Amino acid sequence: MKSYDVDTKSSTTDKIQGDAKIASGKVKQETGKVFRSPNLQGKGNAEMDEGRVQKKVGEIKKVFGQ
């Protein structure tokens, strides 16, 4: 089986990782709501914010061709 080296631009990587952090943060936030854990909700909100920032960085990099 051949292994292909995929050259992914850092802008694409940032967008994908940002989306993953947003999804993970949403799960934590909702779990915190279910278990009435403000700490877990806060961690989820923070992770979602971090994902949004990372995704935006990826969009900016794309504009500059990186």
N, C-alpha and C. Protein backbone atom coordinates (compact mmCIF):
# COMPACT_ATOMS: atom_id res chain seq x y z
N MET A 1 0.84 -1.17 0.00
CA MET A 1 0.00 0.00 0.00
C MET A 1 0.88 1.24 0.00
N LYS A 2 0.62 2.15 -0.91
CA LYS A 2 1.42 3.36 -1.01
C LYS A 2 0.98 4.38 0.03
N SER A 3 1.94 5.12 0.49
CA SER A 3 1.67 6.21 1.41
C SER A 3 1.88 7.51 0.66
N TYR A 4 0.89 8.35 0.66
CA TYR A 4 0.98 9.61 -0.05
C TYR A 4 1.23 10.73 0.95
N ASP A 5 2.21 11.56 0.63
CA ASP A 5 2.53 12.70 1.48
C ASP A 5 1.65 13.87 1.03
N VAL A 6 0.74 14.25 1.87
CA VAL A 6 -0.18 15.32 1.52
C VAL A 6 0.38 16.62 2.08
N ASP A 7 0.62 17.57 1.19
CA ASP A 7 1.15 18.87 1.61
C ASP A 7 -0.04 19.80 1.85
N THR A 8 -0.39 19.94 3.12
CA THR A 8 -1.52 20.77 3.48
C THR A 8 -1.00 22.14 3.92
N LYS A 9 -1.61 23.18 3.39
CA LYS A 9 -1.20 24.52 3.78
C LYS A 9 -1.56 24.76 5.24
N SER A 10 -0.78 25.61 5.87
CA SER A 10 -1.03 25.88 7.29
C SER A 10 -2.39 26.55 7.49
N SER A 11 -2.87 27.27 6.49
CA SER A 11 -4.19 27.91 6.63
C SER A 11 -5.28 26.84 6.73
N THR A 12 -5.17 25.80 5.93
CA THR A 12 -6.14 24.71 5.97
C THR A 12 -6.05 23.96 7.30
N THR A 13 -4.83 23.72 7.75
CA THR A 13 -4.63 23.04 9.03
C THR A 13 -5.25 23.85 10.17
N ASP A 14 -5.03 25.15 10.17
CA ASP A 14 -5.59 26.00 11.21
C ASP A 14 -7.12 25.96 11.20
N LYS A 15 -7.70 25.98 10.02
CA LYS A 15 -9.17 25.93 9.92
C LYS A 15 -9.71 24.60 10.46
N ILE A 16 -9.06 23.51 10.08
CA ILE A 16 -9.52 22.18 10.52
C ILE A 16 -9.37 22.04 12.03
N GLN A 17 -8.22 22.44 12.56
CA GLN A 17 -8.01 22.35 14.00
C GLN A 17 -8.95 23.29 14.75
N GLY A 18 -9.23 24.45 14.18
CA GLY A 18 -10.18 25.37 14.80
C GLY A 18 -11.57 24.77 14.88
N ASP A 19 -12.00 24.14 13.79
CA ASP A 19 -13.32 23.48 13.79
C ASP A 19 -13.38 22.36 14.82
N ALA A 20 -12.28 21.61 14.95
CA ALA A 20 -12.24 20.52 15.93
C ALA A 20 -12.34 21.06 17.36
N LYS A 21 -11.65 22.17 17.63
CA LYS A 21 -11.72 22.77 18.96
C LYS A 21 -13.11 23.32 19.26
N ILE A 22 -13.74 23.89 18.25
CA ILE A 22 -15.11 24.40 18.43
C ILE A 22 -16.04 23.24 18.79
N ALA A 23 -15.92 22.14 18.06
CA ALA A 23 -16.78 20.97 18.31
C ALA A 23 -16.52 20.39 19.70
N SER A 24 -15.26 20.25 20.05
CA SER A 24 -14.90 19.71 21.35
C SER A 24 -15.39 20.62 22.48
N GLY A 25 -15.24 21.92 22.28
CA GLY A 25 -15.71 22.88 23.27
C GLY A 25 -17.21 22.84 23.45
N LYS A 26 -17.93 22.64 22.35
CA LYS A 26 -19.39 22.55 22.41
C LYS A 26 -19.81 21.33 23.22
N VAL A 27 -19.11 20.22 23.03
CA VAL A 27 -19.42 19.00 23.79
C VAL A 27 -19.19 19.26 25.28
N LYS A 28 -18.08 19.88 25.62
CA LYS A 28 -17.78 20.18 27.02
C LYS A 28 -18.82 21.13 27.61
N GLN A 29 -19.19 22.14 26.83
CA GLN A 29 -20.18 23.11 27.29
C GLN A 29 -21.51 22.43 27.57
N GLU A 30 -21.98 21.62 26.66
CA GLU A 30 -23.26 20.94 26.84
C GLU A 30 -23.20 19.92 27.98
N THR A 31 -22.07 19.22 28.10
CA THR A 31 -21.91 18.28 29.20
C THR A 31 -21.95 19.02 30.53
N GLY A 32 -21.32 20.18 30.57
CA GLY A 32 -21.36 21.01 31.78
C GLY A 32 -22.77 21.44 32.14
N LYS A 33 -23.58 21.73 31.11
CA LYS A 33 -24.97 22.10 31.36
C LYS A 33 -25.74 20.91 31.96
N VAL A 34 -25.54 19.74 31.37
CA VAL A 34 -26.26 18.54 31.82
C VAL A 34 -25.91 18.21 33.27
N PHE A 35 -24.63 18.28 33.60
CA PHE A 35 -24.18 17.92 34.94
C PHE A 35 -24.09 19.11 35.89
N ARG A 36 -24.60 20.24 35.42
CA ARG A 36 -24.60 21.48 36.22
C ARG A 36 -23.22 21.80 36.76
N SER A 37 -22.27 21.82 35.86
CA SER A 37 -20.88 22.11 36.21
C SER A 37 -20.44 23.40 35.52
N PRO A 38 -20.49 24.52 36.23
CA PRO A 38 -20.07 25.79 35.63
C PRO A 38 -18.60 25.76 35.19
N ASN A 39 -17.78 24.99 35.91
CA ASN A 39 -16.37 24.88 35.54
C ASN A 39 -16.22 24.25 34.16
N LEU A 40 -16.92 23.16 33.92
CA LEU A 40 -16.85 22.48 32.63
C LEU A 40 -17.46 23.34 31.52
N GLN A 41 -18.53 24.05 31.83
CA GLN A 41 -19.13 24.95 30.85
C GLN A 41 -18.13 26.04 30.47
N GLY A 42 -17.43 26.57 31.46
CA GLY A 42 -16.44 27.61 31.20
C GLY A 42 -15.29 27.11 30.34
N LYS A 43 -14.84 25.88 30.63
CA LYS A 43 -13.78 25.29 29.82
C LYS A 43 -14.25 25.11 28.38
N GLY A 44 -15.50 24.70 28.23
CA GLY A 44 -16.05 24.53 26.88
C GLY A 44 -16.14 25.83 26.14
N ASN A 45 -16.60 26.88 26.82
CA ASN A 45 -16.68 28.20 26.19
C ASN A 45 -15.30 28.69 25.78
N ALA A 46 -14.32 28.50 26.66
CA ALA A 46 -12.96 28.94 26.36
C ALA A 46 -12.39 28.19 25.16
N GLU A 47 -12.66 26.89 25.09
CA GLU A 47 -12.15 26.09 23.98
C GLU A 47 -12.83 26.49 22.67
N MET A 48 -14.11 26.79 22.73
CA MET A 48 -14.81 27.24 21.54
C MET A 48 -14.24 28.58 21.06
N ASP A 49 -13.96 29.49 21.98
CA ASP A 49 -13.37 30.78 21.62
C ASP A 49 -12.00 30.58 20.98
N GLU A 50 -11.20 29.69 21.57
CA GLU A 50 -9.87 29.40 21.03
C GLU A 50 -9.99 28.84 19.61
N GLY A 51 -10.96 27.97 19.40
CA GLY A 51 -11.18 27.40 18.06
C GLY A 51 -11.60 28.45 17.06
N ARG A 52 -12.44 29.37 17.48
CA ARG A 52 -12.88 30.45 16.57
C ARG A 52 -11.69 31.33 16.16
N VAL A 53 -10.83 31.62 17.13
CA VAL A 53 -9.64 32.44 16.83
C VAL A 53 -8.72 31.69 15.87
N GLN A 54 -8.48 30.42 16.13
CA GLN A 54 -7.60 29.64 15.26
C GLN A 54 -8.17 29.54 13.86
N LYS A 55 -9.46 29.37 13.75
CA LYS A 55 -10.11 29.30 12.44
C LYS A 55 -9.95 30.63 11.69
N LYS A 56 -10.11 31.74 12.41
CA LYS A 56 -9.97 33.06 11.80
C LYS A 56 -8.53 33.27 11.34
N VAL A 57 -7.55 32.80 12.12
CA VAL A 57 -6.14 32.90 11.72
C VAL A 57 -5.93 32.15 10.41
N GLY A 58 -6.54 30.98 10.28
CA GLY A 58 -6.44 30.21 9.04
C GLY A 58 -7.02 30.96 7.86
N GLU A 59 -8.14 31.65 8.08
CA GLU A 59 -8.75 32.43 7.01
C GLU A 59 -7.85 33.59 6.60
N ILE A 60 -7.21 34.22 7.58
CA ILE A 60 -6.30 35.34 7.28
C ILE A 60 -5.07 34.83 6.52
N LYS A 61 -4.53 33.68 6.95
CA LYS A 61 -3.39 33.11 6.25
C LYS A 61 -3.73 32.80 4.80
N LYS A 62 -4.96 32.34 4.57
CA LYS A 62 -5.37 32.01 3.20
C LYS A 62 -5.35 33.25 2.33
N VAL A 63 -5.77 34.38 2.88
CA VAL A 63 -5.76 35.63 2.12
C VAL A 63 -4.34 36.00 1.70
N PHE A 64 -3.37 35.73 2.57
CA PHE A 64 -1.99 36.05 2.28
C PHE A 64 -1.24 34.89 1.59
N GLY A 65 -1.95 33.81 1.29
CA GLY A 65 -1.38 32.72 0.52
C GLY A 65 -0.45 31.80 1.29
N GLN A 66 -0.68 31.66 2.57
CA GLN A 66 0.21 30.78 3.36
C GLN A 66 -0.46 29.48 3.65
